[in-house]
Amino acid sequence: MGIFDRLLSGHHGGGGRHGGGHHDDGHHGGGYGVPPGGGYGNAPPPPPSNAIGCPNCRALNAPGAKFCQQCGTSLTALACTQCGANLQPGAKFCSQCGKVVV
């Protein structure tokens, strides 16, 4: 084999020296580190249906939480100081008597 034949044949030619080109043995994956299935694992689970939304930052909190885990806002119901009605977390006015919530 002459020098030009060797240069032009590259590793596409036979000869058996470098495995004879491309092959598919099922171990290549999706390329760039992507698993063969194409995904990166399972998606995170959805939040529980009874999660509590923060009235201030809208973060979802565990059921029974008393304070928001993101901003610290109270998640417990307060009572109006004038009429005693339950106030929703984040309320600025009482829904029963209209008193400003402080």
PDB file of N, CA and C in Angstrom:
ATOM      1  N   MET A   1       0.851  -1.164   0.000  1.00  0.00           N
ATOM      2  CA  MET A   1       0.000   0.000   0.000  1.00  0.00           C
ATOM      3  C   MET A   1       0.897   1.226   0.000  1.00  0.00           C
ATOM      4  N   GLY A   2       0.616   2.160  -0.910  1.00  0.00           N
ATOM      5  CA  GLY A   2       1.425   3.368  -1.018  1.00  0.00           C
ATOM      6  C   GLY A   2       1.016   4.411   0.013  1.00  0.00           C
ATOM      7  N   ILE A   3       1.833   5.442   0.126  1.00  0.00           N
ATOM      8  CA  ILE A   3       1.572   6.487   1.109  1.00  0.00           C
ATOM      9  C   ILE A   3       0.273   7.232   0.835  1.00  0.00           C
ATOM     10  N   PHE A   4      -0.045   7.473  -0.443  1.00  0.00           N
ATOM     11  CA  PHE A   4      -1.297   8.158  -0.775  1.00  0.00           C
ATOM     12  C   PHE A   4      -2.515   7.296  -0.431  1.00  0.00           C
ATOM     13  N   ASP A   5      -2.393   5.995  -0.663  1.00  0.00           N
ATOM     14  CA  ASP A   5      -3.493   5.100  -0.303  1.00  0.00           C
ATOM     15  C   ASP A   5      -3.751   5.134   1.206  1.00  0.00           C
ATOM     16  N   ARG A   6      -2.680   5.157   1.985  1.00  0.00           N
ATOM     17  CA  ARG A   6      -2.835   5.209   3.440  1.00  0.00           C
ATOM     18  C   ARG A   6      -3.452   6.529   3.899  1.00  0.00           C
ATOM     19  N   LEU A   7      -3.026   7.643   3.335  1.00  0.00           N
ATOM     20  CA  LEU A   7      -3.560   8.942   3.721  1.00  0.00           C
ATOM     21  C   LEU A   7      -5.023   9.095   3.332  1.00  0.00           C
ATOM     22  N   LEU A   8      -5.371   8.637   2.152  1.00  0.00           N
ATOM     23  CA  LEU A   8      -6.730   8.823   1.666  1.00  0.00           C
ATOM     24  C   LEU A   8      -7.712   7.814   2.253  1.00  0.00           C
ATOM     25  N   SER A   9      -7.222   6.697   2.714  1.00  0.00           N
ATOM     26  CA  SER A   9      -8.151   5.717   3.262  1.00  0.00           C
ATOM     27  C   SER A   9      -8.610   6.099   4.669  1.00  0.00           C
ATOM     28  N   GLY A  10      -7.815   6.863   5.411  1.00  0.00           N
ATOM     29  CA  GLY A  10      -8.202   7.319   6.746  1.00  0.00           C
ATOM     30  C   GLY A  10      -8.655   6.169   7.613  1.00  0.00           C
ATOM     31  N   HIS A  11      -9.633   6.408   8.481  1.00  0.00           N
ATOM     32  CA  HIS A  11     -10.139   5.289   9.268  1.00  0.00           C
ATOM     33  C   HIS A  11     -11.507   4.844   8.762  1.00  0.00           C
ATOM     34  N   HIS A  12     -11.841   5.241   7.524  1.00  0.00           N
ATOM     35  CA  HIS A  12     -13.076   4.760   6.920  1.00  0.00           C
ATOM     36  C   HIS A  12     -12.851   3.442   6.199  1.00  0.00           C
ATOM     37  N   GLY A  13     -11.634   3.186   5.849  1.00  0.00           N
ATOM     38  CA  GLY A  13     -11.337   1.962   5.118  1.00  0.00           C
ATOM     39  C   GLY A  13     -11.309   0.763   6.031  1.00  0.00           C
ATOM     40  N   GLY A  14     -11.152  -0.382   5.425  1.00  0.00           N
ATOM     41  CA  GLY A  14     -11.118  -1.629   6.195  1.00  0.00           C
ATOM     42  C   GLY A  14      -9.793  -1.790   6.889  1.00  0.00           C
ATOM     43  N   GLY A  15      -9.183  -2.912   6.668  1.00  0.00           N
ATOM     44  CA  GLY A  15      -7.889  -3.167   7.251  1.00  0.00           C
ATOM     45  C   GLY A  15      -7.980  -3.691   8.674  1.00  0.00           C
ATOM     46  N   GLY A  16      -9.056  -3.437   9.344  1.00  0.00           N
ATOM     47  CA  GLY A  16      -9.249  -3.974  10.670  1.00  0.00           C
ATOM     48  C   GLY A  16      -8.420  -3.313  11.759  1.00  0.00           C
ATOM     49  N   ARG A  17      -7.586  -2.335  11.423  1.00  0.00           N
ATOM     50  CA  ARG A  17      -6.730  -1.739  12.439  1.00  0.00           C
ATOM     51  C   ARG A  17      -7.506  -0.916  13.465  1.00  0.00           C
ATOM     52  N   HIS A  18      -8.559  -0.219  13.021  1.00  0.00           N
ATOM     53  CA  HIS A  18      -9.301   0.655  13.931  1.00  0.00           C
ATOM     54  C   HIS A  18     -10.766   0.257  14.046  1.00  0.00           C
ATOM     55  N   GLY A  19     -11.084  -0.950  13.783  1.00  0.00           N
ATOM     56  CA  GLY A  19     -12.444  -1.409  13.967  1.00  0.00           C
ATOM     57  C   GLY A  19     -13.316  -1.242  12.744  1.00  0.00           C
ATOM     58  N   GLY A  20     -12.813  -0.674  11.670  1.00  0.00           N
ATOM     59  CA  GLY A  20     -13.573  -0.613  10.429  1.00  0.00           C
ATOM     60  C   GLY A  20     -14.687   0.432  10.406  1.00  0.00           C
ATOM     61  N   GLY A  21     -14.612   1.486  11.198  1.00  0.00           N
ATOM     62  CA  GLY A  21     -15.615   2.551  11.104  1.00  0.00           C
ATOM     63  C   GLY A  21     -16.611   2.505  12.248  1.00  0.00           C
ATOM     64  N   HIS A  22     -17.793   3.049  11.981  1.00  0.00           N
ATOM     65  CA  HIS A  22     -18.816   3.180  13.024  1.00  0.00           C
ATOM     66  C   HIS A  22     -19.494   1.844  13.305  1.00  0.00           C
ATOM     67  N   HIS A  23     -20.005   1.716  14.514  1.00  0.00           N
ATOM     68  CA  HIS A  23     -20.737   0.518  14.887  1.00  0.00           C
ATOM     69  C   HIS A  23     -21.803   0.914  15.889  1.00  0.00           C
ATOM     70  N   ASP A  24     -22.789   0.062  16.029  1.00  0.00           N
ATOM     71  CA  ASP A  24     -23.875   0.334  16.976  1.00  0.00           C
ATOM     72  C   ASP A  24     -23.976  -0.832  17.939  1.00  0.00           C
ATOM     73  N   ASP A  25     -23.425  -0.630  19.135  1.00  0.00           N
ATOM     74  CA  ASP A  25     -23.476  -1.702  20.123  1.00  0.00           C
ATOM     75  C   ASP A  25     -24.491  -1.419  21.223  1.00  0.00           C
ATOM     76  N   GLY A  26     -25.290  -0.346  21.070  1.00  0.00           N
ATOM     77  CA  GLY A  26     -26.329  -0.047  22.045  1.00  0.00           C
ATOM     78  C   GLY A  26     -25.820   0.647  23.295  1.00  0.00           C
ATOM     79  N   HIS A  27     -24.565   1.075  23.330  1.00  0.00           N
ATOM     80  CA  HIS A  27     -24.009   1.708  24.522  1.00  0.00           C
ATOM     81  C   HIS A  27     -23.684   3.177  24.301  1.00  0.00           C
ATOM     82  N   HIS A  28     -24.234   3.792  23.292  1.00  0.00           N
ATOM     83  CA  HIS A  28     -23.894   5.173  23.008  1.00  0.00           C
ATOM     84  C   HIS A  28     -24.812   6.168  23.687  1.00  0.00           C
ATOM     85  N   GLY A  29     -26.012   5.802  24.099  1.00  0.00           N
ATOM     86  CA  GLY A  29     -26.935   6.744  24.721  1.00  0.00           C
ATOM     87  C   GLY A  29     -27.447   7.734  23.700  1.00  0.00           C
ATOM     88  N   GLY A  30     -27.931   8.870  24.159  1.00  0.00           N
ATOM     89  CA  GLY A  30     -28.518   9.879  23.283  1.00  0.00           C
ATOM     90  C   GLY A  30     -27.539  10.943  22.870  1.00  0.00           C
ATOM     91  N   GLY A  31     -26.275  10.862  23.257  1.00  0.00           N
ATOM     92  CA  GLY A  31     -25.295  11.871  22.912  1.00  0.00           C
ATOM     93  C   GLY A  31     -25.283  12.985  23.951  1.00  0.00           C
ATOM     94  N   TYR A  32     -24.150  13.614  24.148  1.00  0.00           N
ATOM     95  CA  TYR A  32     -23.977  14.711  25.096  1.00  0.00           C
ATOM     96  C   TYR A  32     -24.443  14.345  26.499  1.00  0.00           C
ATOM     97  N   GLY A  33     -24.288  13.124  26.913  1.00  0.00           N
ATOM     98  CA  GLY A  33     -24.639  12.713  28.258  1.00  0.00           C
ATOM     99  C   GLY A  33     -26.112  12.431  28.475  1.00  0.00           C
ATOM    100  N   VAL A  34     -26.915  12.446  27.431  1.00  0.00           N
ATOM    101  CA  VAL A  34     -28.342  12.176  27.568  1.00  0.00           C
ATOM    102  C   VAL A  34     -28.547  10.678  27.636  1.00  0.00           C
ATOM    103  N   PRO A  35     -29.293  10.175  28.622  1.00  0.00           N
ATOM    104  CA  PRO A  35     -29.539   8.735  28.705  1.00  0.00           C
ATOM    105  C   PRO A  35     -30.256   8.217  27.463  1.00  0.00           C
ATOM    106  N   PRO A  36     -30.157   6.908  27.178  1.00  0.00           N
ATOM    107  CA  PRO A  36     -30.766   6.352  25.974  1.00  0.00           C
ATOM    108  C   PRO A  36     -32.255   6.656  25.831  1.00  0.00           C
ATOM    109  N   GLY A  37     -32.988   6.800  26.924  1.00  0.00           N
ATOM    110  CA  GLY A  37     -34.413   7.113  26.835  1.00  0.00           C
ATOM    111  C   GLY A  37     -34.677   8.549  26.420  1.00  0.00           C
ATOM    112  N   GLY A  38     -33.655   9.412  26.479  1.00  0.00           N
ATOM    113  CA  GLY A  38     -33.792  10.792  26.068  1.00  0.00           C
ATOM    114  C   GLY A  38     -34.143  11.728  27.205  1.00  0.00           C
ATOM    115  N   GLY A  39     -34.516  11.222  28.378  1.00  0.00           N
ATOM    116  CA  GLY A  39     -34.897  12.090  29.487  1.00  0.00           C
ATOM    117  C   GLY A  39     -33.824  12.123  30.544  1.00  0.00           C
ATOM    118  N   TYR A  40     -34.022  12.913  31.537  1.00  0.00           N
ATOM    119  CA  TYR A  40     -33.055  13.047  32.615  1.00  0.00           C
ATOM    120  C   TYR A  40     -33.604  12.500  33.925  1.00  0.00           C
ATOM    121  N   GLY A  41     -34.543  11.602  33.881  1.00  0.00           N
ATOM    122  CA  GLY A  41     -35.108  11.046  35.095  1.00  0.00           C
ATOM    123  C   GLY A  41     -36.563  11.454  35.223  1.00  0.00           C
ATOM    124  N   ASN A  42     -37.125  11.127  36.350  1.00  0.00           N
ATOM    125  CA  ASN A  42     -38.534  11.426  36.569  1.00  0.00           C
ATOM    126  C   ASN A  42     -38.721  12.889  36.927  1.00  0.00           C
ATOM    127  N   ALA A  43     -39.862  13.429  36.551  1.00  0.00           N
ATOM    128  CA  ALA A  43     -40.216  14.795  36.918  1.00  0.00           C
ATOM    129  C   ALA A  43     -40.544  14.825  38.406  1.00  0.00           C
ATOM    130  N   PRO A  44     -40.369  15.988  39.041  1.00  0.00           N
ATOM    131  CA  PRO A  44     -40.710  16.048  40.461  1.00  0.00           C
ATOM    132  C   PRO A  44     -42.205  15.816  40.662  1.00  0.00           C
ATOM    133  N   PRO A  45     -42.577  15.246  41.799  1.00  0.00           N
ATOM    134  CA  PRO A  45     -43.993  14.975  42.024  1.00  0.00           C
ATOM    135  C   PRO A  45     -44.774  16.282  42.164  1.00  0.00           C
ATOM    136  N   PRO A  46     -46.042  16.279  41.786  1.00  0.00           N
ATOM    137  CA  PRO A  46     -46.843  17.496  41.932  1.00  0.00           C
ATOM    138  C   PRO A  46     -47.055  17.793  43.413  1.00  0.00           C
ATOM    139  N   PRO A  47     -47.292  19.066  43.759  1.00  0.00           N
ATOM    140  CA  PRO A  47     -47.524  19.386  45.165  1.00  0.00           C
ATOM    141  C   PRO A  47     -48.814  18.734  45.649  1.00  0.00           C
ATOM    142  N   PRO A  48     -48.921  18.473  46.951  1.00  0.00           N
ATOM    143  CA  PRO A  48     -50.152  17.865  47.465  1.00  0.00           C
ATOM    144  C   PRO A  48     -51.343  18.777  47.193  1.00  0.00           C
ATOM    145  N   SER A  49     -52.503  18.157  46.969  1.00  0.00           N
ATOM    146  CA  SER A  49     -53.689  18.941  46.635  1.00  0.00           C
ATOM    147  C   SER A  49     -54.152  19.795  47.801  1.00  0.00           C
ATOM    148  N   ASN A  50     -53.727  19.471  49.017  1.00  0.00           N
ATOM    149  CA  ASN A  50     -54.129  20.254  50.174  1.00  0.00           C
ATOM    150  C   ASN A  50     -53.025  21.203  50.644  1.00  0.00           C
ATOM    151  N   ALA A  51     -52.068  21.525  49.755  1.00  0.00           N
ATOM    152  CA  ALA A  51     -51.004  22.462  50.089  1.00  0.00           C
ATOM    153  C   ALA A  51     -51.602  23.850  50.318  1.00  0.00           C
ATOM    154  N   ILE A  52     -50.966  24.619  51.199  1.00  0.00           N
ATOM    155  CA  ILE A  52     -51.446  25.952  51.537  1.00  0.00           C
ATOM    156  C   ILE A  52     -50.639  26.981  50.748  1.00  0.00           C
ATOM    157  N   GLY A  53     -51.324  27.828  49.984  1.00  0.00           N
ATOM    158  CA  GLY A  53     -50.663  28.882  49.231  1.00  0.00           C
ATOM    159  C   GLY A  53     -50.452  30.107  50.111  1.00  0.00           C
ATOM    160  N   CYS A  54     -49.265  30.670  50.067  1.00  0.00           N
ATOM    161  CA  CYS A  54     -48.968  31.864  50.858  1.00  0.00           C
ATOM    162  C   CYS A  54     -49.667  33.072  50.239  1.00  0.00           C
ATOM    163  N   PRO A  55     -50.371  33.886  51.035  1.00  0.00           N
ATOM    164  CA  PRO A  55     -51.040  35.063  50.497  1.00  0.00           C
ATOM    165  C   PRO A  55     -50.056  36.160  50.080  1.00  0.00           C
ATOM    166  N   ASN A  56     -48.823  36.088  50.568  1.00  0.00           N
ATOM    167  CA  ASN A  56     -47.840  37.121  50.260  1.00  0.00           C
ATOM    168  C   ASN A  56     -47.009  36.774  49.021  1.00  0.00           C
ATOM    169  N   CYS A  57     -46.383  35.590  49.011  1.00  0.00           N
ATOM    170  CA  CYS A  57     -45.478  35.227  47.909  1.00  0.00           C
ATOM    171  C   CYS A  57     -46.007  34.097  47.036  1.00  0.00           C
ATOM    172  N   ARG A  58     -47.142  33.517  47.397  1.00  0.00           N
ATOM    173  CA  ARG A  58     -47.806  32.442  46.653  1.00  0.00           C
ATOM    174  C   ARG A  58     -47.043  31.116  46.649  1.00  0.00           C
ATOM    175  N   ALA A  59     -46.044  30.961  47.504  1.00  0.00           N
ATOM    176  CA  ALA A  59     -45.332  29.683  47.613  1.00  0.00           C
ATOM    177  C   ALA A  59     -46.270  28.639  48.218  1.00  0.00           C
ATOM    178  N   LEU A  60     -46.120  27.395  47.786  1.00  0.00           N
ATOM    179  CA  LEU A  60     -46.924  26.307  48.348  1.00  0.00           C
ATOM    180  C   LEU A  60     -46.252  25.782  49.606  1.00  0.00           C
ATOM    181  N   ASN A  61     -47.038  25.613  50.653  1.00  0.00           N
ATOM    182  CA  ASN A  61     -46.533  25.148  51.939  1.00  0.00           C
ATOM    183  C   ASN A  61     -47.253  23.873  52.347  1.00  0.00           C
ATOM    184  N   ALA A  62     -46.617  23.110  53.212  1.00  0.00           N
ATOM    185  CA  ALA A  62     -47.184  21.853  53.691  1.00  0.00           C
ATOM    186  C   ALA A  62     -48.473  22.108  54.470  1.00  0.00           C
ATOM    187  N   PRO A  63     -49.418  21.180  54.392  1.00  0.00           N
ATOM    188  CA  PRO A  63     -50.643  21.322  55.183  1.00  0.00           C
ATOM    189  C   PRO A  63     -50.299  21.431  56.672  1.00  0.00           C
ATOM    190  N   GLY A  64     -50.943  22.337  57.368  1.00  0.00           N
ATOM    191  CA  GLY A  64     -50.693  22.526  58.790  1.00  0.00           C
ATOM    192  C   GLY A  64     -49.573  23.507  59.103  1.00  0.00           C
ATOM    193  N   ALA A  65     -48.889  24.027  58.079  1.00  0.00           N
ATOM    194  CA  ALA A  65     -47.810  24.986  58.324  1.00  0.00           C
ATOM    195  C   ALA A  65     -48.387  26.269  58.916  1.00  0.00           C
ATOM    196  N   LYS A  66     -47.681  26.842  59.875  1.00  0.00           N
ATOM    197  CA  LYS A  66     -48.138  28.080  60.504  1.00  0.00           C
ATOM    198  C   LYS A  66     -47.509  29.309  59.873  1.00  0.00           C
ATOM    199  N   PHE A  67     -46.355  29.124  59.247  1.00  0.00           N
ATOM    200  CA  PHE A  67     -45.661  30.233  58.595  1.00  0.00           C
ATOM    201  C   PHE A  67     -45.163  29.771  57.225  1.00  0.00           C
ATOM    202  N   CYS A  68     -45.075  30.705  56.287  1.00  0.00           N
ATOM    203  CA  CYS A  68     -44.584  30.397  54.938  1.00  0.00           C
ATOM    204  C   CYS A  68     -43.104  30.050  55.012  1.00  0.00           C
ATOM    205  N   GLN A  69     -42.727  28.983  54.331  1.00  0.00           N
ATOM    206  CA  GLN A  69     -41.334  28.552  54.330  1.00  0.00           C
ATOM    207  C   GLN A  69     -40.453  29.434  53.457  1.00  0.00           C
ATOM    208  N   GLN A  70     -41.035  30.283  52.620  1.00  0.00           N
ATOM    209  CA  GLN A  70     -40.257  31.153  51.746  1.00  0.00           C
ATOM    210  C   GLN A  70     -40.107  32.576  52.283  1.00  0.00           C
ATOM    211  N   CYS A  71     -41.202  33.147  52.811  1.00  0.00           N
ATOM    212  CA  CYS A  71     -41.154  34.558  53.221  1.00  0.00           C
ATOM    213  C   CYS A  71     -41.485  34.784  54.693  1.00  0.00           C
ATOM    214  N   GLY A  72     -41.974  33.762  55.406  1.00  0.00           N
ATOM    215  CA  GLY A  72     -42.240  33.879  56.822  1.00  0.00           C
ATOM    216  C   GLY A  72     -43.596  34.464  57.189  1.00  0.00           C
ATOM    217  N   THR A  73     -44.448  34.734  56.213  1.00  0.00           N
ATOM    218  CA  THR A  73     -45.780  35.261  56.494  1.00  0.00           C
ATOM    219  C   THR A  73     -46.598  34.239  57.271  1.00  0.00           C
ATOM    220  N   SER A  74     -47.369  34.707  58.244  1.00  0.00           N
ATOM    221  CA  SER A  74     -48.216  33.823  59.030  1.00  0.00           C
ATOM    222  C   SER A  74     -49.300  33.211  58.145  1.00  0.00           C
ATOM    223  N   LEU A  75     -49.521  31.912  58.302  1.00  0.00           N
ATOM    224  CA  LEU A  75     -50.544  31.209  57.528  1.00  0.00           C
ATOM    225  C   LEU A  75     -51.739  30.821  58.392  1.00  0.00           C
ATOM    226  N   THR A  76     -51.745  31.238  59.655  1.00  0.00           N
ATOM    227  CA  THR A  76     -52.859  30.909  60.543  1.00  0.00           C
ATOM    228  C   THR A  76     -53.900  32.023  60.515  1.00  0.00           C
ATOM    229  N   ALA A  77     -55.141  31.644  60.720  1.00  0.00           N
ATOM    230  CA  ALA A  77     -56.220  32.618  60.721  1.00  0.00           C
ATOM    231  C   ALA A  77     -56.147  33.477  61.976  1.00  0.00           C
ATOM    232  N   LEU A  78     -56.380  34.758  61.813  1.00  0.00           N
ATOM    233  CA  LEU A  78     -56.419  35.698  62.927  1.00  0.00           C
ATOM    234  C   LEU A  78     -57.865  36.067  63.201  1.00  0.00           C
ATOM    235  N   ALA A  79     -58.111  36.651  64.356  1.00  0.00           N
ATOM    236  CA  ALA A  79     -59.462  37.103  64.693  1.00  0.00           C
ATOM    237  C   ALA A  79     -59.495  38.627  64.670  1.00  0.00           C
ATOM    238  N   CYS A  80     -60.578  39.165  64.162  1.00  0.00           N
ATOM    239  CA  CYS A  80     -60.773  40.616  64.133  1.00  0.00           C
ATOM    240  C   CYS A  80     -60.835  41.129  65.575  1.00  0.00           C
ATOM    241  N   THR A  81     -60.128  42.214  65.854  1.00  0.00           N
ATOM    242  CA  THR A  81     -60.118  42.765  67.216  1.00  0.00           C
ATOM    243  C   THR A  81     -61.418  43.483  67.562  1.00  0.00           C
ATOM    244  N   GLN A  82     -62.229  43.809  66.545  1.00  0.00           N
ATOM    245  CA  GLN A  82     -63.488  44.512  66.814  1.00  0.00           C
ATOM    246  C   GLN A  82     -64.663  43.559  66.966  1.00  0.00           C
ATOM    247  N   CYS A  83     -64.825  42.609  65.996  1.00  0.00           N
ATOM    248  CA  CYS A  83     -66.014  41.742  66.036  1.00  0.00           C
ATOM    249  C   CYS A  83     -65.699  40.276  66.294  1.00  0.00           C
ATOM    250  N   GLY A  84     -64.424  39.886  66.271  1.00  0.00           N
ATOM    251  CA  GLY A  84     -64.040  38.507  66.556  1.00  0.00           C
ATOM    252  C   GLY A  84     -64.135  37.545  65.375  1.00  0.00           C
ATOM    253  N   ALA A  85     -64.531  38.038  64.194  1.00  0.00           N
ATOM    254  CA  ALA A  85     -64.632  37.166  63.017  1.00  0.00           C
ATOM    255  C   ALA A  85     -63.247  36.659  62.617  1.00  0.00           C
ATOM    256  N   ASN A  86     -63.203  35.445  62.040  1.00  0.00           N
ATOM    257  CA  ASN A  86     -61.938  34.903  61.544  1.00  0.00           C
ATOM    258  C   ASN A  86     -61.488  35.689  60.321  1.00  0.00           C
ATOM    259  N   LEU A  87     -60.224  36.059  60.310  1.00  0.00           N
ATOM    260  CA  LEU A  87     -59.635  36.776  59.185  1.00  0.00           C
ATOM    261  C   LEU A  87     -58.773  35.803  58.387  1.00  0.00           C
ATOM    262  N   GLN A  88     -58.871  35.867  57.092  1.00  0.00           N
ATOM    263  CA  GLN A  88     -58.037  35.042  56.233  1.00  0.00           C
ATOM    264  C   GLN A  88     -56.605  35.568  56.284  1.00  0.00           C
ATOM    265  N   PRO A  89     -55.603  34.682  56.154  1.00  0.00           N
ATOM    266  CA  PRO A  89     -54.212  35.144  56.124  1.00  0.00           C
ATOM    267  C   PRO A  89     -54.023  36.167  55.003  1.00  0.00           C
ATOM    268  N   GLY A  90     -53.391  37.265  55.315  1.00  0.00           N
ATOM    269  CA  GLY A  90     -53.123  38.301  54.326  1.00  0.00           C
ATOM    270  C   GLY A  90     -54.244  39.319  54.178  1.00  0.00           C
ATOM    271  N   ALA A  91     -55.355  39.164  54.913  1.00  0.00           N
ATOM    272  CA  ALA A  91     -56.474  40.108  54.801  1.00  0.00           C
ATOM    273  C   ALA A  91     -56.056  41.485  55.310  1.00  0.00           C
ATOM    274  N   LYS A  92     -56.529  42.515  54.639  1.00  0.00           N
ATOM    275  CA  LYS A  92     -56.242  43.881  55.054  1.00  0.00           C
ATOM    276  C   LYS A  92     -57.424  44.504  55.784  1.00  0.00           C
ATOM    277  N   PHE A  93     -58.607  43.926  55.579  1.00  0.00           N
ATOM    278  CA  PHE A  93     -59.825  44.403  56.219  1.00  0.00           C
ATOM    279  C   PHE A  93     -60.643  43.205  56.670  1.00  0.00           C
ATOM    280  N   CYS A  94     -61.424  43.382  57.735  1.00  0.00           N
ATOM    281  CA  CYS A  94     -62.325  42.346  58.198  1.00  0.00           C
ATOM    282  C   CYS A  94     -63.491  42.260  57.218  1.00  0.00           C
ATOM    283  N   SER A  95     -63.854  41.039  56.846  1.00  0.00           N
ATOM    284  CA  SER A  95     -64.947  40.862  55.879  1.00  0.00           C
ATOM    285  C   SER A  95     -66.310  41.030  56.537  1.00  0.00           C
ATOM    286  N   GLN A  96     -66.372  41.077  57.866  1.00  0.00           N
ATOM    287  CA  GLN A  96     -67.657  41.210  58.573  1.00  0.00           C
ATOM    288  C   GLN A  96     -67.955  42.652  58.966  1.00  0.00           C
ATOM    289  N   CYS A  97     -66.950  43.359  59.508  1.00  0.00           N
ATOM    290  CA  CYS A  97     -67.222  44.718  59.991  1.00  0.00           C
ATOM    291  C   CYS A  97     -66.436  45.799  59.269  1.00  0.00           C
ATOM    292  N   GLY A  98     -65.438  45.403  58.452  1.00  0.00           N
ATOM    293  CA  GLY A  98     -64.672  46.376  57.671  1.00  0.00           C
ATOM    294  C   GLY A  98     -63.501  46.994  58.400  1.00  0.00           C
ATOM    295  N   LYS A  99     -63.256  46.604  59.626  1.00  0.00           N
ATOM    296  CA  LYS A  99     -62.136  47.186  60.390  1.00  0.00           C
ATOM    297  C   LYS A  99     -60.805  46.864  59.703  1.00  0.00           C
ATOM    298  N   VAL A 100     -59.909  47.835  59.723  1.00  0.00           N
ATOM    299  CA  VAL A 100     -58.567  47.654  59.157  1.00  0.00           C
ATOM    300  C   VAL A 100     -57.817  46.657  60.030  1.00  0.00           C
ATOM    301  N   VAL A 101     -57.179  45.704  59.386  1.00  0.00           N
ATOM    302  CA  VAL A 101     -56.350  44.710  60.083  1.00  0.00           C
ATOM    303  C   VAL A 101     -54.954  45.283  60.240  1.00  0.00           C
ATOM    304  N   VAL A 102     -54.461  45.240  61.476  1.00  0.00           N
ATOM    305  CA  VAL A 102     -53.127  45.787  61.731  1.00  0.00           C
ATOM    306  C   VAL A 102     -52.106  44.708  61.890  1.00  0.00           C
TER     307      VAL A 102
END
